[in-house]
Amino acid sequence: MVRERRTVPPARDVNEVVSVIGPGMEITGDIKCDGTVRVEGKVEGSIRATKSVVVGQTGSVTGDIETQDVVVGGSVAGTIAGASRVELHDTCRVRGDIQSRRIKLDEGGHVEGRLHMGKGAKATGQVRSASIEPPEGRRPEQQSRRSSLPASAARN
């Protein structure tokens, strides 16, 4: 008699887990997830994921998103906080503030809100934005006009 050995598959790494909210699916309430959340349906509530949140072209989120990486191809109404990066596709429609170390916006993408970029933009819900002051004695329009002149003309 031959015994068949059954092995238990190893537990999946959290970074490999993908939770999908499919087309036609609607969720009302907050989502907290290890790994990645992909939204192709509709979510009314905040999403917190340890790795990433992807909002597909048919996806819609009404609430805040907080994670490492965010990719938006659909619509989001709320604050997006991507600790590492936020990528906004040409089909996206975002109404709310975006904070991340890196932000990529494809031509055609629509954003209505403030962008906070750099090391100070952390996914903590608190936004630190620095004001940019023009050089002493110059107004911003003078600075940009002068910098567009050739070097020989700028000396005059």
C-alpha atoms as a PDB file:
ATOM      1  CA  MET A   1       0.000   0.000   0.000  1.00  0.00           C
ATOM      2  CA  VAL A   2       1.450   3.303  -1.090  1.00  0.00           C
ATOM      3  CA  ARG A   3       0.762   6.353   0.986  1.00  0.00           C
ATOM      4  CA  GLU A   4       0.256   9.595  -0.821  1.00  0.00           C
ATOM      5  CA  ARG A   5       2.016  12.469   0.825  1.00  0.00           C
ATOM      6  CA  ARG A   6       0.140  15.681   0.941  1.00  0.00           C
ATOM      7  CA  THR A   7       2.111  18.798   1.364  1.00  0.00           C
ATOM      8  CA  VAL A   8       0.672  22.037   2.568  1.00  0.00           C
ATOM      9  CA  PRO A   9       1.516  24.838   0.153  1.00  0.00           C
ATOM     10  CA  PRO A  10       3.635  27.544   1.752  1.00  0.00           C
ATOM     11  CA  ALA A  11       1.830  30.626   2.948  1.00  0.00           C
ATOM     12  CA  ARG A  12       1.782  33.314   0.294  1.00  0.00           C
ATOM     13  CA  ASP A  13       3.880  36.380   0.819  1.00  0.00           C
ATOM     14  CA  VAL A  14       1.764  39.419   1.698  1.00  0.00           C
ATOM     15  CA  ASN A  15       3.258  41.273  -1.278  1.00  0.00           C
ATOM     16  CA  GLU A  16       1.782  38.650  -3.633  1.00  0.00           C
ATOM     17  CA  VAL A  17      -1.789  38.966  -2.351  1.00  0.00           C
ATOM     18  CA  VAL A  18      -4.170  40.843  -4.649  1.00  0.00           C
ATOM     19  CA  SER A  19      -7.721  41.594  -3.526  1.00  0.00           C
ATOM     20  CA  VAL A  20     -10.054  42.477  -6.417  1.00  0.00           C
ATOM     21  CA  ILE A  21     -13.258  44.494  -6.340  1.00  0.00           C
ATOM     22  CA  GLY A  22     -14.596  43.445  -9.719  1.00  0.00           C
ATOM     23  CA  PRO A  23     -16.783  45.288 -12.227  1.00  0.00           C
ATOM     24  CA  GLY A  24     -20.367  45.504 -11.017  1.00  0.00           C
ATOM     25  CA  MET A  25     -19.305  45.040  -7.394  1.00  0.00           C
ATOM     26  CA  GLU A  26     -20.064  47.820  -4.892  1.00  0.00           C
ATOM     27  CA  ILE A  27     -18.580  48.094  -1.407  1.00  0.00           C
ATOM     28  CA  THR A  28     -19.725  50.582   1.205  1.00  0.00           C
ATOM     29  CA  GLY A  29     -17.298  50.812   4.125  1.00  0.00           C
ATOM     30  CA  ASP A  30     -13.595  51.078   4.798  1.00  0.00           C
ATOM     31  CA  ILE A  31     -11.136  48.519   3.424  1.00  0.00           C
ATOM     32  CA  LYS A  32      -7.910  47.514   5.189  1.00  0.00           C
ATOM     33  CA  CYS A  33      -5.769  44.994   3.349  1.00  0.00           C
ATOM     34  CA  ASP A  34      -2.352  43.348   3.363  1.00  0.00           C
ATOM     35  CA  GLY A  35      -0.912  43.412  -0.133  1.00  0.00           C
ATOM     36  CA  THR A  36      -2.630  45.023  -3.123  1.00  0.00           C
ATOM     37  CA  VAL A  37      -6.216  46.125  -3.716  1.00  0.00           C
ATOM     38  CA  ARG A  38      -7.455  46.393  -7.311  1.00  0.00           C
ATOM     39  CA  VAL A  39     -10.708  48.322  -7.826  1.00  0.00           C
ATOM     40  CA  GLU A  40     -12.669  47.730 -11.033  1.00  0.00           C
ATOM     41  CA  GLY A  41     -16.029  48.303  -9.329  1.00  0.00           C
ATOM     42  CA  LYS A  42     -17.198  50.950  -6.858  1.00  0.00           C
ATOM     43  CA  VAL A  43     -15.947  51.657  -3.315  1.00  0.00           C
ATOM     44  CA  GLU A  44     -17.517  54.177  -0.954  1.00  0.00           C
ATOM     45  CA  GLY A  45     -15.077  54.366   1.950  1.00  0.00           C
ATOM     46  CA  SER A  46     -11.355  54.618   2.581  1.00  0.00           C
ATOM     47  CA  ILE A  47      -8.802  52.065   1.371  1.00  0.00           C
ATOM     48  CA  ARG A  48      -5.611  51.258   3.311  1.00  0.00           C
ATOM     49  CA  ALA A  49      -3.282  48.666   1.831  1.00  0.00           C
ATOM     50  CA  THR A  50       0.260  47.674   2.792  1.00  0.00           C
ATOM     51  CA  LYS A  51       1.576  47.477  -0.787  1.00  0.00           C
ATOM     52  CA  SER A  52      -0.552  49.205  -3.436  1.00  0.00           C
ATOM     53  CA  VAL A  53      -3.955  50.296  -4.632  1.00  0.00           C
ATOM     54  CA  VAL A  54      -4.877  50.135  -8.329  1.00  0.00           C
ATOM     55  CA  VAL A  55      -8.050  51.866  -9.519  1.00  0.00           C
ATOM     56  CA  GLY A  56      -8.792  50.539 -12.999  1.00  0.00           C
ATOM     57  CA  GLN A  57     -10.530  52.475 -15.778  1.00  0.00           C
ATOM     58  CA  THR A  58     -13.942  51.211 -14.667  1.00  0.00           C
ATOM     59  CA  GLY A  59     -13.113  51.688 -10.974  1.00  0.00           C
ATOM     60  CA  SER A  60     -14.471  54.395  -8.713  1.00  0.00           C
ATOM     61  CA  VAL A  61     -13.433  55.286  -5.148  1.00  0.00           C
ATOM     62  CA  THR A  62     -15.213  57.839  -2.977  1.00  0.00           C
ATOM     63  CA  GLY A  63     -12.906  58.057   0.023  1.00  0.00           C
ATOM     64  CA  ASP A  64      -9.246  58.351   0.941  1.00  0.00           C
ATOM     65  CA  ILE A  65      -6.510  56.007  -0.303  1.00  0.00           C
ATOM     66  CA  GLU A  66      -3.389  55.337   1.787  1.00  0.00           C
ATOM     67  CA  THR A  67      -0.669  52.908   0.690  1.00  0.00           C
ATOM     68  CA  GLN A  68       2.867  52.668  -0.761  1.00  0.00           C
ATOM     69  CA  ASP A  69       2.079  52.850  -4.508  1.00  0.00           C
ATOM     70  CA  VAL A  70      -1.116  54.121  -6.144  1.00  0.00           C
ATOM     71  CA  VAL A  71      -2.125  53.732  -9.789  1.00  0.00           C
ATOM     72  CA  VAL A  72      -5.323  55.475 -10.943  1.00  0.00           C
ATOM     73  CA  GLY A  73      -7.016  54.903 -14.292  1.00  0.00           C
ATOM     74  CA  GLY A  74     -10.574  55.501 -13.065  1.00  0.00           C
ATOM     75  CA  SER A  75     -12.073  58.057 -10.687  1.00  0.00           C
ATOM     76  CA  VAL A  76     -11.195  58.981  -7.113  1.00  0.00           C
ATOM     77  CA  ALA A  77     -12.922  61.559  -4.899  1.00  0.00           C
ATOM     78  CA  GLY A  78     -10.745  61.881  -1.792  1.00  0.00           C
ATOM     79  CA  THR A  79      -7.166  62.271  -0.633  1.00  0.00           C
ATOM     80  CA  ILE A  80      -4.568  59.990  -2.236  1.00  0.00           C
ATOM     81  CA  ALA A  81      -1.496  59.308  -0.073  1.00  0.00           C
ATOM     82  CA  GLY A  82       1.148  57.139  -1.729  1.00  0.00           C
ATOM     83  CA  ALA A  83       4.259  56.891   0.437  1.00  0.00           C
ATOM     84  CA  SER A  84       6.429  55.912  -2.548  1.00  0.00           C
ATOM     85  CA  ARG A  85       4.669  56.950  -5.768  1.00  0.00           C
ATOM     86  CA  VAL A  86       1.376  57.914  -7.389  1.00  0.00           C
ATOM     87  CA  GLU A  87       0.767  57.203 -11.080  1.00  0.00           C
ATOM     88  CA  LEU A  88      -2.190  58.893 -12.778  1.00  0.00           C
ATOM     89  CA  HIS A  89      -3.182  57.564 -16.204  1.00  0.00           C
ATOM     90  CA  ASP A  90      -4.692  59.587 -19.030  1.00  0.00           C
ATOM     91  CA  THR A  91      -8.159  58.208 -18.205  1.00  0.00           C
ATOM     92  CA  CYS A  92      -8.092  59.241 -14.524  1.00  0.00           C
ATOM     93  CA  ARG A  93     -10.375  61.756 -12.838  1.00  0.00           C
ATOM     94  CA  VAL A  94      -9.213  62.760  -9.359  1.00  0.00           C
ATOM     95  CA  ARG A  95     -10.961  65.245  -7.083  1.00  0.00           C
ATOM     96  CA  GLY A  96      -8.844  65.679  -3.965  1.00  0.00           C
ATOM     97  CA  ASP A  97      -5.319  66.260  -2.732  1.00  0.00           C
ATOM     98  CA  ILE A  98      -2.452  63.978  -3.720  1.00  0.00           C
ATOM     99  CA  GLN A  99       0.667  63.481  -1.606  1.00  0.00           C
ATOM    100  CA  SER A 100       3.644  61.334  -2.495  1.00  0.00           C
ATOM    101  CA  ARG A 101       7.389  61.346  -3.001  1.00  0.00           C
ATOM    102  CA  ARG A 102       6.893  60.857  -6.755  1.00  0.00           C
ATOM    103  CA  ILE A 103       3.890  61.717  -8.920  1.00  0.00           C
ATOM    104  CA  LYS A 104       3.397  60.825 -12.581  1.00  0.00           C
ATOM    105  CA  LEU A 105       0.476  62.372 -14.494  1.00  0.00           C
ATOM    106  CA  ASP A 106      -0.149  61.225 -18.059  1.00  0.00           C
ATOM    107  CA  GLU A 107      -1.341  63.789 -20.588  1.00  0.00           C
ATOM    108  CA  GLY A 108      -5.145  63.856 -20.548  1.00  0.00           C
ATOM    109  CA  GLY A 109      -5.473  62.887 -16.889  1.00  0.00           C
ATOM    110  CA  HIS A 110      -7.722  65.202 -14.864  1.00  0.00           C
ATOM    111  CA  VAL A 111      -6.806  66.329 -11.336  1.00  0.00           C
ATOM    112  CA  GLU A 112      -8.775  68.821  -9.280  1.00  0.00           C
ATOM    113  CA  GLY A 113      -6.837  69.376  -6.065  1.00  0.00           C
ATOM    114  CA  ARG A 114      -3.391  70.081  -4.668  1.00  0.00           C
ATOM    115  CA  LEU A 115      -0.250  68.064  -5.309  1.00  0.00           C
ATOM    116  CA  HIS A 116       2.272  67.661  -2.490  1.00  0.00           C
ATOM    117  CA  MET A 117       5.503  66.083  -3.636  1.00  0.00           C
ATOM    118  CA  GLY A 118       8.849  65.264  -2.066  1.00  0.00           C
ATOM    119  CA  LYS A 119      10.282  63.682   1.045  1.00  0.00           C
ATOM    120  CA  GLY A 120       7.966  65.699   3.316  1.00  0.00           C
ATOM    121  CA  ALA A 121       4.864  64.267   1.619  1.00  0.00           C
ATOM    122  CA  LYS A 122       4.209  61.188   3.708  1.00  0.00           C
ATOM    123  CA  ALA A 123       1.141  58.982   3.756  1.00  0.00           C
ATOM    124  CA  THR A 124       0.140  60.103   7.228  1.00  0.00           C
ATOM    125  CA  GLY A 125      -2.848  62.270   6.414  1.00  0.00           C
ATOM    126  CA  GLN A 126      -0.862  65.365   7.415  1.00  0.00           C
ATOM    127  CA  VAL A 127       0.458  67.429   4.555  1.00  0.00           C
ATOM    128  CA  ARG A 128       3.534  69.629   4.778  1.00  0.00           C
ATOM    129  CA  SER A 129       3.869  71.938   1.811  1.00  0.00           C
ATOM    130  CA  ALA A 130       6.664  74.423   1.402  1.00  0.00           C
ATOM    131  CA  SER A 131       6.031  77.814  -0.135  1.00  0.00           C
ATOM    132  CA  ILE A 132       8.362  78.800  -2.929  1.00  0.00           C
ATOM    133  CA  GLU A 133       9.648  82.346  -2.722  1.00  0.00           C
ATOM    134  CA  PRO A 134      11.067  84.171  -5.775  1.00  0.00           C
ATOM    135  CA  PRO A 135      14.649  85.451  -5.570  1.00  0.00           C
ATOM    136  CA  GLU A 136      15.041  88.744  -3.725  1.00  0.00           C
ATOM    137  CA  GLY A 137      13.810  91.753  -5.641  1.00  0.00           C
ATOM    138  CA  ARG A 138      12.116  89.751  -8.431  1.00  0.00           C
ATOM    139  CA  ARG A 139       8.515  88.849  -9.021  1.00  0.00           C
ATOM    140  CA  PRO A 140       7.849  85.325 -10.409  1.00  0.00           C
ATOM    141  CA  GLU A 141       6.912  86.659 -13.866  1.00  0.00           C
ATOM    142  CA  GLN A 142      10.236  88.537 -14.084  1.00  0.00           C
ATOM    143  CA  GLN A 143      12.171  85.384 -13.146  1.00  0.00           C
ATOM    144  CA  SER A 144      10.576  83.207 -15.836  1.00  0.00           C
ATOM    145  CA  ARG A 145      10.871  85.895 -18.544  1.00  0.00           C
ATOM    146  CA  ARG A 146      14.565  86.438 -17.833  1.00  0.00           C
ATOM    147  CA  SER A 147      15.411  82.724 -17.720  1.00  0.00           C
ATOM    148  CA  SER A 148      13.917  82.207 -21.199  1.00  0.00           C
ATOM    149  CA  LEU A 149      16.334  84.702 -22.805  1.00  0.00           C
ATOM    150  CA  PRO A 150      19.621  83.614 -24.392  1.00  0.00           C
ATOM    151  CA  ALA A 151      22.673  84.031 -22.147  1.00  0.00           C
ATOM    152  CA  SER A 152      23.968  87.044 -24.145  1.00  0.00           C
ATOM    153  CA  ALA A 153      20.633  88.891 -23.857  1.00  0.00           C
ATOM    154  CA  ALA A 154      20.268  88.073 -20.162  1.00  0.00           C
ATOM    155  CA  ARG A 155      23.438  90.031 -19.338  1.00  0.00           C
ATOM    156  CA  ASN A 156      21.944  93.280 -20.743  1.00  0.00           C
END
